[in-house]
C-alpha atoms as a PDB file:
ATOM      1  CA  MET A   1     -27.717 -60.841  -0.621  1.00  0.00           C
ATOM      2  CA  LYS A   2     -28.251 -57.068  -3.048  1.00  0.00           C
ATOM      3  CA  LYS A   3     -30.802 -56.424  -0.972  1.00  0.00           C
ATOM      4  CA  ILE A   4     -28.356 -56.270   1.598  1.00  0.00           C
ATOM      5  CA  LEU A   5     -25.447 -54.080  -0.039  1.00  0.00           C
ATOM      6  CA  ILE A   6     -28.386 -51.979  -0.751  1.00  0.00           C
ATOM      7  CA  VAL A   7     -29.432 -51.342   2.520  1.00  0.00           C
ATOM      8  CA  VAL A   8     -26.134 -51.218   3.774  1.00  0.00           C
ATOM      9  CA  LEU A   9     -24.871 -48.649   1.219  1.00  0.00           C
ATOM     10  CA  LEU A  10     -28.203 -46.269   1.614  1.00  0.00           C
ATOM     11  CA  ALA A  11     -27.106 -46.415   5.653  1.00  0.00           C
ATOM     12  CA  ILE A  12     -23.532 -45.381   4.851  1.00  0.00           C
ATOM     13  CA  LEU A  13     -25.109 -42.699   2.573  1.00  0.00           C
ATOM     14  CA  ALA A  14     -27.516 -41.689   5.123  1.00  0.00           C
ATOM     15  CA  LEU A  15     -25.322 -41.277   8.045  1.00  0.00           C
ATOM     16  CA  GLY A  16     -22.707 -39.387   5.567  1.00  0.00           C
ATOM     17  CA  GLY A  17     -24.983 -37.011   4.951  1.00  0.00           C
ATOM     18  CA  LEU A  18     -26.823 -36.900   8.449  1.00  0.00           C
ATOM     19  CA  TRP A  19     -22.710 -35.632   9.331  1.00  0.00           C
ATOM     20  CA  TRP A  20     -22.273 -33.688   6.591  1.00  0.00           C
ATOM     21  CA  TRP A  21     -25.653 -31.998   7.898  1.00  0.00           C
ATOM     22  CA  SER A  22     -24.231 -31.728  11.264  1.00  0.00           C
ATOM     23  CA  ALA A  23     -21.076 -29.791  10.123  1.00  0.00           C
ATOM     24  CA  ARG A  24     -22.678 -27.124   8.429  1.00  0.00           C
ATOM     25  CA  ALA A  25     -26.228 -26.475  10.074  1.00  0.00           C
ATOM     26  CA  PRO A  26     -26.255 -25.186  13.658  1.00  0.00           C
ATOM     27  CA  THR A  27     -27.570 -27.391  16.215  1.00  0.00           C
ATOM     28  CA  ASP A  28     -28.003 -24.889  19.097  1.00  0.00           C
ATOM     29  CA  ALA A  29     -30.316 -22.047  18.768  1.00  0.00           C
ATOM     30  CA  ASN A  30     -27.319 -19.960  20.182  1.00  0.00           C
ATOM     31  CA  VAL A  31     -25.227 -20.116  16.738  1.00  0.00           C
ATOM     32  CA  LEU A  32     -26.291 -17.962  13.989  1.00  0.00           C
ATOM     33  CA  ALA A  33     -25.116 -19.300  10.431  1.00  0.00           C
ATOM     34  CA  LEU A  34     -24.511 -16.662   7.704  1.00  0.00           C
ATOM     35  CA  HIS A  35     -22.799 -16.869   4.457  1.00  0.00           C
ATOM     36  CA  GLY A  36     -20.982 -15.201   2.088  1.00  0.00           C
ATOM     37  CA  ASN A  37     -17.730 -14.970   0.272  1.00  0.00           C
ATOM     38  CA  VAL A  38     -14.156 -14.004   1.681  1.00  0.00           C
ATOM     39  CA  ASP A  39     -12.457 -10.214   0.403  1.00  0.00           C
ATOM     40  CA  ILE A  40      -9.527  -9.640   0.650  1.00  0.00           C
ATOM     41  CA  ARG A  41      -7.955  -6.391  -0.026  1.00  0.00           C
ATOM     42  CA  GLN A  42      -5.835  -5.331  -3.758  1.00  0.00           C
ATOM     43  CA  VAL A  43      -3.365  -3.006  -4.594  1.00  0.00           C
ATOM     44  CA  SER A  44      -1.916  -1.703  -8.225  1.00  0.00           C
ATOM     45  CA  LEU A  45       1.487  -1.253  -8.095  1.00  0.00           C
ATOM     46  CA  ALA A  46       3.085   0.674 -10.392  1.00  0.00           C
ATOM     47  CA  PHE A  47       6.385   2.702 -11.048  1.00  0.00           C
ATOM     48  CA  ASP A  48       6.413   6.430  -9.063  1.00  0.00           C
ATOM     49  CA  GLY A  49       8.755   7.374 -12.576  1.00  0.00           C
ATOM     50  CA  GLY A  50       8.470   6.524 -16.295  1.00  0.00           C
ATOM     51  CA  GLY A  51      10.487   4.536 -18.527  1.00  0.00           C
ATOM     52  CA  ARG A  52      11.901   0.886 -20.226  1.00  0.00           C
ATOM     53  CA  ILE A  53      11.304  -1.739 -17.589  1.00  0.00           C
ATOM     54  CA  LEU A  54      14.470  -3.582 -16.670  1.00  0.00           C
ATOM     55  CA  GLU A  55      14.110  -6.461 -14.610  1.00  0.00           C
ATOM     56  CA  LEU A  56      10.618  -7.753 -12.635  1.00  0.00           C
ATOM     57  CA  ARG A  57      11.238 -10.302  -9.685  1.00  0.00           C
ATOM     58  CA  ALA A  58       8.276 -11.503  -9.183  1.00  0.00           C
ATOM     59  CA  GLU A  59       5.890 -14.098 -10.970  1.00  0.00           C
ATOM     60  CA  GLU A  60       1.871 -14.055 -10.410  1.00  0.00           C
ATOM     61  CA  GLY A  61       1.015 -16.567  -6.965  1.00  0.00           C
ATOM     62  CA  ASP A  62       4.582 -15.501  -5.792  1.00  0.00           C
ATOM     63  CA  ALA A  63       4.630 -14.501  -1.828  1.00  0.00           C
ATOM     64  CA  VAL A  64       5.973 -10.678  -1.495  1.00  0.00           C
ATOM     65  CA  THR A  65       6.950  -8.780   1.638  1.00  0.00           C
ATOM     66  CA  ALA A  66       7.015  -5.538   2.815  1.00  0.00           C
ATOM     67  CA  GLY A  67      10.275  -3.611   1.305  1.00  0.00           C
ATOM     68  CA  GLN A  68      10.914  -6.564  -0.951  1.00  0.00           C
ATOM     69  CA  VAL A  69      12.497  -4.796  -4.504  1.00  0.00           C
ATOM     70  CA  ILE A  70      10.471  -6.761  -7.467  1.00  0.00           C
ATOM     71  CA  GLY A  71      10.556  -4.492 -10.145  1.00  0.00           C
ATOM     72  CA  LEU A  72      13.206  -1.927 -12.162  1.00  0.00           C
ATOM     73  CA  LEU A  73      13.923   0.733 -14.307  1.00  0.00           C
ATOM     74  CA  ASP A  74      16.467   1.645 -16.818  1.00  0.00           C
ATOM     75  CA  THR A  75      18.307   4.462 -15.160  1.00  0.00           C
ATOM     76  CA  ARG A  76      20.993   3.976 -16.869  1.00  0.00           C
ATOM     77  CA  THR A  77      21.074   7.851 -18.074  1.00  0.00           C
ATOM     78  CA  LEU A  78      19.956   9.540 -14.871  1.00  0.00           C
ATOM     79  CA  ALA A  79      23.139   7.613 -13.230  1.00  0.00           C
ATOM     80  CA  LEU A  80      25.405   9.216 -15.891  1.00  0.00           C
ATOM     81  CA  GLN A  81      23.551  12.523 -15.133  1.00  0.00           C
ATOM     82  CA  ALA A  82      24.142  11.835 -11.314  1.00  0.00           C
ATOM     83  CA  LYS A  83      27.125  11.693 -11.782  1.00  0.00           C
ATOM     84  CA  GLN A  84      27.783  15.008 -13.820  1.00  0.00           C
ATOM     85  CA  ALA A  85      26.161  16.828 -10.950  1.00  0.00           C
ATOM     86  CA  GLU A  86      28.087  15.166  -8.680  1.00  0.00           C
ATOM     87  CA  ALA A  87      30.953  16.295  -9.966  1.00  0.00           C
ATOM     88  CA  GLN A  88      29.140  19.929 -10.334  1.00  0.00           C
ATOM     89  CA  VAL A  89      28.534  19.566  -6.421  1.00  0.00           C
ATOM     90  CA  ASN A  90      32.402  19.306  -5.748  1.00  0.00           C
ATOM     91  CA  VAL A  91      33.682  22.382  -7.580  1.00  0.00           C
ATOM     92  CA  GLN A  92      30.945  24.869  -6.111  1.00  0.00           C
ATOM     93  CA  ARG A  93      32.075  23.829  -2.394  1.00  0.00           C
ATOM     94  CA  GLN A  94      35.812  24.059  -3.020  1.00  0.00           C
ATOM     95  CA  THR A  95      34.403  27.764  -4.746  1.00  0.00           C
ATOM     96  CA  LEU A  96      32.777  28.553  -1.112  1.00  0.00           C
ATOM     97  CA  LEU A  97      35.876  26.777   0.781  1.00  0.00           C
ATOM     98  CA  ARG A  98      37.617  28.945  -0.754  1.00  0.00           C
ATOM     99  CA  LEU A  99      35.815  32.263  -0.389  1.00  0.00           C
ATOM    100  CA  ARG A 100      35.265  31.610   3.145  1.00  0.00           C
ATOM    101  CA  ASN A 101      38.967  30.790   4.100  1.00  0.00           C
ATOM    102  CA  GLY A 102      40.371  33.927   1.737  1.00  0.00           C
ATOM    103  CA  ALA A 103      43.499  34.740   0.648  1.00  0.00           C
ATOM    104  CA  ARG A 104      46.882  32.134   1.220  1.00  0.00           C
ATOM    105  CA  PRO A 105      49.792  34.035   3.326  1.00  0.00           C
ATOM    106  CA  GLU A 106      51.648  33.205   0.008  1.00  0.00           C
ATOM    107  CA  GLU A 107      49.283  35.051  -2.006  1.00  0.00           C
ATOM    108  CA  ILE A 108      49.279  38.662   0.376  1.00  0.00           C
ATOM    109  CA  ALA A 109      53.389  38.425   0.039  1.00  0.00           C
ATOM    110  CA  GLN A 110      53.129  37.925  -3.666  1.00  0.00           C
ATOM    111  CA  VAL A 111      51.089  41.555  -4.236  1.00  0.00           C
ATOM    112  CA  ARG A 112      53.118  42.500  -1.458  1.00  0.00           C
ATOM    113  CA  ALA A 113      55.822  42.348  -3.330  1.00  0.00           C
ATOM    114  CA  GLN A 114      54.343  43.441  -6.215  1.00  0.00           C
ATOM    115  CA  LEU A 115      53.091  46.749  -4.054  1.00  0.00           C
ATOM    116  CA  ALA A 116      57.146  47.196  -2.993  1.00  0.00           C
ATOM    117  CA  SER A 117      57.648  47.119  -7.140  1.00  0.00           C
ATOM    118  CA  ALA A 118      55.124  49.623  -7.916  1.00  0.00           C
ATOM    119  CA  GLU A 119      56.490  51.732  -5.259  1.00  0.00           C
ATOM    120  CA  ALA A 120      60.136  51.715  -6.177  1.00  0.00           C
ATOM    121  CA  THR A 121      59.530  51.853  -9.947  1.00  0.00           C
ATOM    122  CA  ALA A 122      57.090  54.980  -8.943  1.00  0.00           C
ATOM    123  CA  THR A 123      59.914  56.545  -6.885  1.00  0.00           C
ATOM    124  CA  ARG A 124      62.912  55.976 -10.185  1.00  0.00           C
ATOM    125  CA  ALA A 125      60.263  57.978 -12.343  1.00  0.00           C
ATOM    126  CA  GLU A 126      59.695  60.947 -10.289  1.00  0.00           C
ATOM    127  CA  GLN A 127      63.101  61.655 -10.331  1.00  0.00           C
ATOM    128  CA  ASP A 128      63.276  61.039 -13.798  1.00  0.00           C
ATOM    129  CA  PHE A 129      60.918  63.831 -13.904  1.00  0.00           C
ATOM    130  CA  SER A 130      62.550  65.806 -11.250  1.00  0.00           C
ATOM    131  CA  ARG A 131      65.682  66.020 -13.015  1.00  0.00           C
ATOM    132  CA  ALA A 132      64.117  66.663 -16.382  1.00  0.00           C
ATOM    133  CA  SER A 133      62.125  69.246 -15.088  1.00  0.00           C
ATOM    134  CA  ARG A 134      65.374  70.906 -13.385  1.00  0.00           C
ATOM    135  CA  LEU A 135      66.889  70.932 -16.899  1.00  0.00           C
ATOM    136  CA  GLN A 136      64.232  72.555 -18.565  1.00  0.00           C
ATOM    137  CA  ALA A 137      64.136  74.877 -15.777  1.00  0.00           C
ATOM    138  CA  ALA A 138      68.143  76.188 -16.630  1.00  0.00           C
ATOM    139  CA  ALA A 139      67.134  76.473 -20.201  1.00  0.00           C
ATOM    140  CA  SER A 140      70.512  75.126 -20.869  1.00  0.00           C
ATOM    141  CA  GLY A 141      68.662  73.320 -24.497  1.00  0.00           C
ATOM    142  CA  ALA A 142      69.533  69.741 -22.467  1.00  0.00           C
ATOM    143  CA  ILE A 143      66.706  68.459 -22.698  1.00  0.00           C
ATOM    144  CA  SER A 144      63.471  68.877 -25.017  1.00  0.00           C
ATOM    145  CA  GLU A 145      60.020  69.533 -23.721  1.00  0.00           C
ATOM    146  CA  GLN A 146      58.733  66.542 -25.299  1.00  0.00           C
ATOM    147  CA  LYS A 147      61.220  64.314 -23.099  1.00  0.00           C
ATOM    148  CA  VAL A 148      59.744  66.375 -20.258  1.00  0.00           C
ATOM    149  CA  ASP A 149      55.999  65.681 -21.142  1.00  0.00           C
ATOM    150  CA  LEU A 150      57.302  61.875 -21.528  1.00  0.00           C
ATOM    151  CA  ALA A 151      58.647  62.305 -17.815  1.00  0.00           C
ATOM    152  CA  ARG A 152      55.326  64.012 -16.042  1.00  0.00           C
ATOM    153  CA  SER A 153      53.597  60.639 -18.024  1.00  0.00           C
ATOM    154  CA  GLU A 154      55.659  57.794 -16.638  1.00  0.00           C
ATOM    155  CA  ALA A 155      55.768  59.107 -13.255  1.00  0.00           C
ATOM    156  CA  GLU A 156      52.013  59.677 -13.366  1.00  0.00           C
ATOM    157  CA  ALA A 157      51.381  56.091 -14.678  1.00  0.00           C
ATOM    158  CA  ALA A 158      53.388  54.924 -12.011  1.00  0.00           C
ATOM    159  CA  ARG A 159      51.875  56.544  -8.907  1.00  0.00           C
ATOM    160  CA  ALA A 160      48.484  54.958 -10.613  1.00  0.00           C
ATOM    161  CA  ARG A 161      50.410  51.377 -10.529  1.00  0.00           C
ATOM    162  CA  VAL A 162      50.788  51.883  -6.783  1.00  0.00           C
ATOM    163  CA  GLU A 163      47.394  53.044  -5.963  1.00  0.00           C
ATOM    164  CA  GLU A 164      46.353  50.109  -8.183  1.00  0.00           C
ATOM    165  CA  VAL A 165      48.418  47.693  -6.319  1.00  0.00           C
ATOM    166  CA  ARG A 166      47.885  49.056  -2.699  1.00  0.00           C
ATOM    167  CA  ALA A 167      43.895  48.529  -3.209  1.00  0.00           C
ATOM    168  CA  THR A 168      44.199  44.786  -4.499  1.00  0.00           C
ATOM    169  CA  LEU A 169      46.644  44.298  -1.263  1.00  0.00           C
ATOM    170  CA  ARG A 170      43.548  45.741   0.972  1.00  0.00           C
ATOM    171  CA  LEU A 171      41.212  43.348  -1.181  1.00  0.00           C
ATOM    172  CA  VAL A 172      43.265  40.424  -0.386  1.00  0.00           C
ATOM    173  CA  GLU A 173      43.881  40.863   3.001  1.00  0.00           C
ATOM    174  CA  THR A 174      40.179  41.834   3.978  1.00  0.00           C
ATOM    175  CA  GLY A 175      38.648  38.947   1.984  1.00  0.00           C
ATOM    176  CA  PRO A 176      35.555  38.172  -0.112  1.00  0.00           C
ATOM    177  CA  ARG A 177      32.426  39.978   0.431  1.00  0.00           C
ATOM    178  CA  THR A 178      30.055  38.724   2.416  1.00  0.00           C
ATOM    179  CA  GLU A 179      27.387  38.825  -0.977  1.00  0.00           C
ATOM    180  CA  GLU A 180      29.763  37.115  -2.371  1.00  0.00           C
ATOM    181  CA  ILE A 181      30.167  34.074  -0.080  1.00  0.00           C
ATOM    182  CA  GLY A 182      26.126  34.115   0.175  1.00  0.00           C
ATOM    183  CA  ALA A 183      25.832  33.553  -4.198  1.00  0.00           C
ATOM    184  CA  ALA A 184      28.085  30.750  -3.540  1.00  0.00           C
ATOM    185  CA  GLU A 185      26.639  29.334  -0.966  1.00  0.00           C
ATOM    186  CA  ALA A 186      23.179  29.665  -2.767  1.00  0.00           C
ATOM    187  CA  GLN A 187      25.151  28.243  -5.664  1.00  0.00           C
ATOM    188  CA  LEU A 188      26.082  25.286  -3.771  1.00  0.00           C
ATOM    189  CA  ALA A 189      22.564  24.607  -2.625  1.00  0.00           C
ATOM    190  CA  ALA A 190      20.975  24.758  -6.820  1.00  0.00           C
ATOM    191  CA  ALA A 191      23.772  22.142  -7.286  1.00  0.00           C
ATOM    192  CA  GLU A 192      23.193  19.325  -4.232  1.00  0.00           C
ATOM    193  CA  ALA A 193      19.504  20.177  -5.389  1.00  0.00           C
ATOM    194  CA  ASN A 194      19.774  19.077  -8.515  1.00  0.00           C
ATOM    195  CA  LEU A 195      21.846  16.020  -7.259  1.00  0.00           C
ATOM    196  CA  ALA A 196      18.867  15.356  -5.062  1.00  0.00           C
ATOM    197  CA  LEU A 197      16.672  15.075  -7.808  1.00  0.00           C
ATOM    198  CA  LEU A 198      18.363  13.214 -10.200  1.00  0.00           C
ATOM    199  CA  ARG A 199      18.854  10.173  -7.332  1.00  0.00           C
ATOM    200  CA  HIS A 200      15.280  10.814  -6.205  1.00  0.00           C
ATOM    201  CA  GLN A 201      14.276  10.329 -10.444  1.00  0.00           C
ATOM    202  CA  ILE A 202      16.558   7.067  -9.651  1.00  0.00           C
ATOM    203  CA  ASP A 203      14.970   5.671  -6.554  1.00  0.00           C
ATOM    204  CA  GLN A 204      11.695   6.136  -8.616  1.00  0.00           C
ATOM    205  CA  GLY A 205      12.669   3.475 -10.964  1.00  0.00           C
ATOM    206  CA  THR A 206      12.825   0.685  -7.674  1.00  0.00           C
ATOM    207  CA  LEU A 207       9.458  -0.976  -7.297  1.00  0.00           C
ATOM    208  CA  ARG A 208       9.068  -2.186  -3.881  1.00  0.00           C
ATOM    209  CA  ALA A 209       6.181  -4.269  -2.751  1.00  0.00           C
ATOM    210  CA  PRO A 210       4.564  -1.851   0.260  1.00  0.00           C
ATOM    211  CA  VAL A 211       3.302  -4.725   2.107  1.00  0.00           C
ATOM    212  CA  ASN A 212       3.066  -8.838   2.718  1.00  0.00           C
ATOM    213  CA  GLY A 213       0.501  -9.581  -0.209  1.00  0.00           C
ATOM    214  CA  VAL A 214       0.368 -12.359  -2.830  1.00  0.00           C
ATOM    215  CA  VAL A 215       0.964 -11.458  -6.479  1.00  0.00           C
ATOM    216  CA  ARG A 216      -1.869 -12.185  -8.819  1.00  0.00           C
ATOM    217  CA  SER A 217      -1.901 -10.374 -11.745  1.00  0.00           C
ATOM    218  CA  ARG A 218       2.038  -9.202 -13.925  1.00  0.00           C
ATOM    219  CA  LEU A 219       0.336  -7.051 -16.146  1.00  0.00           C
ATOM    220  CA  LEU A 220       3.900  -5.844 -17.844  1.00  0.00           C
ATOM    221  CA  GLU A 221       7.028  -7.382 -18.885  1.00  0.00           C
ATOM    222  CA  PRO A 222      10.619  -6.440 -19.318  1.00  0.00           C
ATOM    223  CA  GLY A 223      11.310  -4.172 -22.242  1.00  0.00           C
ATOM    224  CA  ASP A 224       7.933  -2.438 -22.071  1.00  0.00           C
ATOM    225  CA  ILE A 225       7.388   1.552 -21.651  1.00  0.00           C
ATOM    226  CA  THR A 226       5.277   2.283 -18.394  1.00  0.00           C
ATOM    227  CA  SER A 227       4.716   5.338 -16.339  1.00  0.00           C
ATOM    228  CA  SER A 228       3.167   6.248 -13.112  1.00  0.00           C
ATOM    229  CA  GLN A 229       0.178   5.726 -14.294  1.00  0.00           C
ATOM    230  CA  ARG A 230       0.278   2.205 -15.691  1.00  0.00           C
ATOM    231  CA  ALA A 231       0.017  -0.502 -13.206  1.00  0.00           C
ATOM    232  CA  VAL A 232       2.976  -3.163 -13.384  1.00  0.00           C
ATOM    233  CA  PHE A 233       1.414  -5.917 -10.139  1.00  0.00           C
ATOM    234  CA  ALA A 234      -2.168  -6.186  -8.352  1.00  0.00           C
ATOM    235  CA  LEU A 235      -0.918  -7.720  -4.924  1.00  0.00           C
ATOM    236  CA  ALA A 236      -3.766  -9.255  -2.711  1.00  0.00           C
ATOM    237  CA  LEU A 237      -2.927  -8.504   0.913  1.00  0.00           C
ATOM    238  CA  THR A 238      -2.469 -11.134   3.275  1.00  0.00           C
ATOM    239  CA  GLU A 239      -3.642  -9.438   5.865  1.00  0.00           C
ATOM    240  CA  PRO A 240      -6.165  -8.100   7.109  1.00  0.00           C
ATOM    241  CA  LYS A 241      -8.296 -11.041   5.698  1.00  0.00           C
ATOM    242  CA  TRP A 242     -11.851 -10.971   5.914  1.00  0.00           C
ATOM    243  CA  VAL A 243     -15.541 -12.073   4.928  1.00  0.00           C
ATOM    244  CA  ARG A 244     -17.848 -10.239   3.566  1.00  0.00           C
ATOM    245  CA  VAL A 245     -21.361 -11.772   4.960  1.00  0.00           C
ATOM    246  CA  TYR A 246     -25.236  -9.932   5.362  1.00  0.00           C
ATOM    247  CA  VAL A 247     -27.435 -10.201   8.173  1.00  0.00           C
ATOM    248  CA  SER A 248     -30.776  -9.580   8.952  1.00  0.00           C
ATOM    249  CA  GLN A 249     -32.710  -7.556  11.079  1.00  0.00           C
ATOM    250  CA  PRO A 250     -34.308  -9.726  12.802  1.00  0.00           C
ATOM    251  CA  ASP A 251     -30.089 -11.499  13.520  1.00  0.00           C
ATOM    252  CA  LEU A 252     -28.793  -8.109  13.706  1.00  0.00           C
ATOM    253  CA  GLY A 253     -29.150  -7.576  17.712  1.00  0.00           C
ATOM    254  CA  ARG A 254     -27.774 -10.821  18.308  1.00  0.00           C
ATOM    255  CA  ILE A 255     -24.186  -9.820  17.495  1.00  0.00           C
ATOM    256  CA  ARG A 256     -21.512  -7.551  18.771  1.00  0.00           C
ATOM    257  CA  PRO A 257     -18.106  -6.176  16.879  1.00  0.00           C
ATOM    258  CA  GLY A 258     -15.240  -8.742  19.229  1.00  0.00           C
ATOM    259  CA  MET A 259     -17.560 -11.764  18.859  1.00  0.00           C
ATOM    260  CA  ALA A 260     -16.006 -15.322  18.283  1.00  0.00           C
ATOM    261  CA  ALA A 261     -16.633 -16.406  14.979  1.00  0.00           C
ATOM    262  CA  GLN A 262     -15.694 -19.649  12.440  1.00  0.00           C
ATOM    263  CA  VAL A 263     -15.407 -19.569   9.193  1.00  0.00           C
ATOM    264  CA  PHE A 264     -16.051 -23.006   7.347  1.00  0.00           C
ATOM    265  CA  THR A 265     -15.256 -24.050   3.531  1.00  0.00           C
ATOM    266  CA  ASP A 266     -16.858 -26.563   1.343  1.00  0.00           C
ATOM    267  CA  SER A 267     -12.932 -28.325   0.926  1.00  0.00           C
ATOM    268  CA  HIS A 268     -12.134 -28.133   4.748  1.00  0.00           C
ATOM    269  CA  PRO A 269     -15.627 -28.420   6.587  1.00  0.00           C
ATOM    270  CA  GLY A 270     -13.732 -30.155   9.739  1.00  0.00           C
ATOM    271  CA  LYS A 271     -11.379 -27.389   9.562  1.00  0.00           C
ATOM    272  CA  PRO A 272     -12.932 -23.969  10.598  1.00  0.00           C
ATOM    273  CA  VAL A 273     -10.782 -20.930  11.072  1.00  0.00           C
ATOM    274  CA  ALA A 274     -10.976 -19.375  13.726  1.00  0.00           C
ATOM    275  CA  GLY A 275     -12.443 -15.172  13.481  1.00  0.00           C
ATOM    276  CA  ARG A 276     -14.044 -12.136  14.975  1.00  0.00           C
ATOM    277  CA  VAL A 277     -16.757 -10.117  14.216  1.00  0.00           C
ATOM    278  CA  GLY A 278     -14.901  -6.659  13.072  1.00  0.00           C
ATOM    279  CA  TYR A 279     -17.446  -4.512  11.303  1.00  0.00           C
ATOM    280  CA  ILE A 280     -21.379  -4.194  12.173  1.00  0.00           C
ATOM    281  CA  SER A 281     -22.963  -1.519   8.781  1.00  0.00           C
ATOM    282  CA  SER A 282     -25.227   0.837  10.617  1.00  0.00           C
ATOM    283  CA  VAL A 283     -27.119   0.852   6.740  1.00  0.00           C
ATOM    284  CA  ALA A 284     -29.501  -1.495   5.416  1.00  0.00           C
ATOM    285  CA  GLU A 285     -29.160  -2.711   2.084  1.00  0.00           C
ATOM    286  CA  PHE A 286     -30.818  -4.932  -0.171  1.00  0.00           C
ATOM    287  CA  THR A 287     -29.547  -8.113  -0.355  1.00  0.00           C
ATOM    288  CA  PRO A 288     -26.293  -8.411  -2.996  1.00  0.00           C
ATOM    289  CA  LYS A 289     -27.250 -10.806  -6.189  1.00  0.00           C
ATOM    290  CA  PRO A 290     -24.229 -13.883  -4.304  1.00  0.00           C
ATOM    291  CA  VAL A 291     -26.683 -14.548  -1.876  1.00  0.00           C
ATOM    292  CA  GLN A 292     -28.542 -17.041  -2.367  1.00  0.00           C
ATOM    293  CA  THR A 293     -31.509 -17.812  -0.381  1.00  0.00           C
ATOM    294  CA  GLU A 294     -34.873 -16.806  -1.784  1.00  0.00           C
ATOM    295  CA  GLU A 295     -36.519 -16.055   1.938  1.00  0.00           C
ATOM    296  CA  LEU A 296     -33.416 -13.122   2.352  1.00  0.00           C
ATOM    297  CA  ARG A 297     -33.323 -11.812  -1.705  1.00  0.00           C
ATOM    298  CA  THR A 298     -36.493  -9.712  -0.933  1.00  0.00           C
ATOM    299  CA  SER A 299     -35.182  -8.196   2.485  1.00  0.00           C
ATOM    300  CA  LEU A 300     -33.088  -5.406   3.780  1.00  0.00           C
ATOM    301  CA  VAL A 301     -29.698  -6.546   5.613  1.00  0.00           C
ATOM    302  CA  TYR A 302     -26.854  -5.339   7.045  1.00  0.00           C
ATOM    303  CA  GLU A 303     -23.050  -5.655   5.870  1.00  0.00           C
ATOM    304  CA  VAL A 304     -21.063  -7.646   8.838  1.00  0.00           C
ATOM    305  CA  ARG A 305     -17.221  -8.093   7.996  1.00  0.00           C
ATOM    306  CA  VAL A 306     -15.497 -11.021  10.027  1.00  0.00           C
ATOM    307  CA  VAL A 307     -11.731 -10.851  10.027  1.00  0.00           C
ATOM    308  CA  VAL A 308     -10.356 -13.981  10.191  1.00  0.00           C
ATOM    309  CA  GLN A 309      -6.755 -15.115  11.159  1.00  0.00           C
ATOM    310  CA  ASP A 310      -5.847 -17.598   8.141  1.00  0.00           C
ATOM    311  CA  VAL A 311      -2.589 -18.752   9.410  1.00  0.00           C
ATOM    312  CA  ASN A 312      -2.246 -21.438   7.055  1.00  0.00           C
ATOM    313  CA  ASP A 313      -3.479 -19.250   3.750  1.00  0.00           C
ATOM    314  CA  VAL A 314      -6.975 -21.311   3.385  1.00  0.00           C
ATOM    315  CA  LEU A 315      -9.335 -18.724   2.396  1.00  0.00           C
ATOM    316  CA  ARG A 316      -8.932 -17.582  -1.384  1.00  0.00           C
ATOM    317  CA  LEU A 317     -10.635 -14.420  -2.982  1.00  0.00           C
ATOM    318  CA  GLY A 318     -13.978 -14.433  -3.447  1.00  0.00           C
ATOM    319  CA  GLN A 319     -14.149 -18.352  -2.135  1.00  0.00           C
ATOM    320  CA  PRO A 320     -18.054 -18.797  -0.804  1.00  0.00           C
ATOM    321  CA  VAL A 321     -17.666 -19.999   3.327  1.00  0.00           C
ATOM    322  CA  THR A 322     -20.174 -19.991   5.946  1.00  0.00           C
ATOM    323  CA  VAL A 323     -19.394 -18.481   9.351  1.00  0.00           C
ATOM    324  CA  ARG A 324     -21.182 -19.391  12.997  1.00  0.00           C
ATOM    325  CA  ILE A 325     -20.920 -16.732  15.215  1.00  0.00           C
ATOM    326  CA  SER A 326     -22.052 -17.825  18.850  1.00  0.00           C
ATOM    327  CA  THR A 327     -24.607 -15.678  20.560  1.00  0.00           C
ATOM    328  CA  GLY A 328     -24.408 -17.237  23.618  1.00  0.00           C
ATOM    329  CA  THR A 329     -21.686 -15.715  25.080  1.00  0.00           C
ATOM    330  CA  MET A 330     -20.066 -12.028  24.652  1.00  0.00           C
ATOM    331  CA  PRO A 331     -16.453 -11.551  24.164  1.00  0.00           C
END
């Protein structure tokens, strides 16, 4: 009985080994088997600005989508500065609007009234001076020379006041000069640029995922001081995902870009991942150390990238795989 059990067990092991070998080794001469590793591109994410980290919204292993906010800096100081700059923009905008609109009708009427008052004062001063001059000419001694001089001075001052108010009226009616409006426009543009700069700095305090991916490493924590040179996350891109393999020179002519391929893993030998040959190097290189085949270790090989469609996210970075390419048919 024991001998029969041993024979049955050996038969089962033999059948299992045969199935395993058939699943791993090509049975068709038109199938090229290559060995390599999964290669996924990575991105180091850092804030565009610097400061203290306020919040991080992703952990290692989390899947993130393009545009998703995964980190925030403390930008309260910048926010207060932006409010101050916004108020300054409003002040400059009102100043420019006042210059463009010119004086109001009420202001023009006010200056005209001041001109009328100045003209009336000048007329009275001229009359007083004329009367004083006549009395002085009569030599009656009714007025002193000092009073005549005082009347003359008041009349001249009144005439000067009239000219001053008349010039003011012309300025009010004409409006501001082009240079004044241009200067106000430049001041407004400078204030708006300063506000835009502060808002941009505030926006730099938000870290967004550039593409879809998976967080591989979280390098800093809330409260840390960071800068644009310090990475906060290491992100593995989920698309595109490819396998890097190496083909020897005799097999190089058997493959072409676009040919269909199947990628097998040790954990899922019966569930291959579909792919296509995407890149074939035109330059030979020495076989990399990870390739364990003795025959290839002393040969020159060509790098080949097989782009895969890993919809179930089976493949992992650096995972060893076997790639089978059917060379009997072209795409």
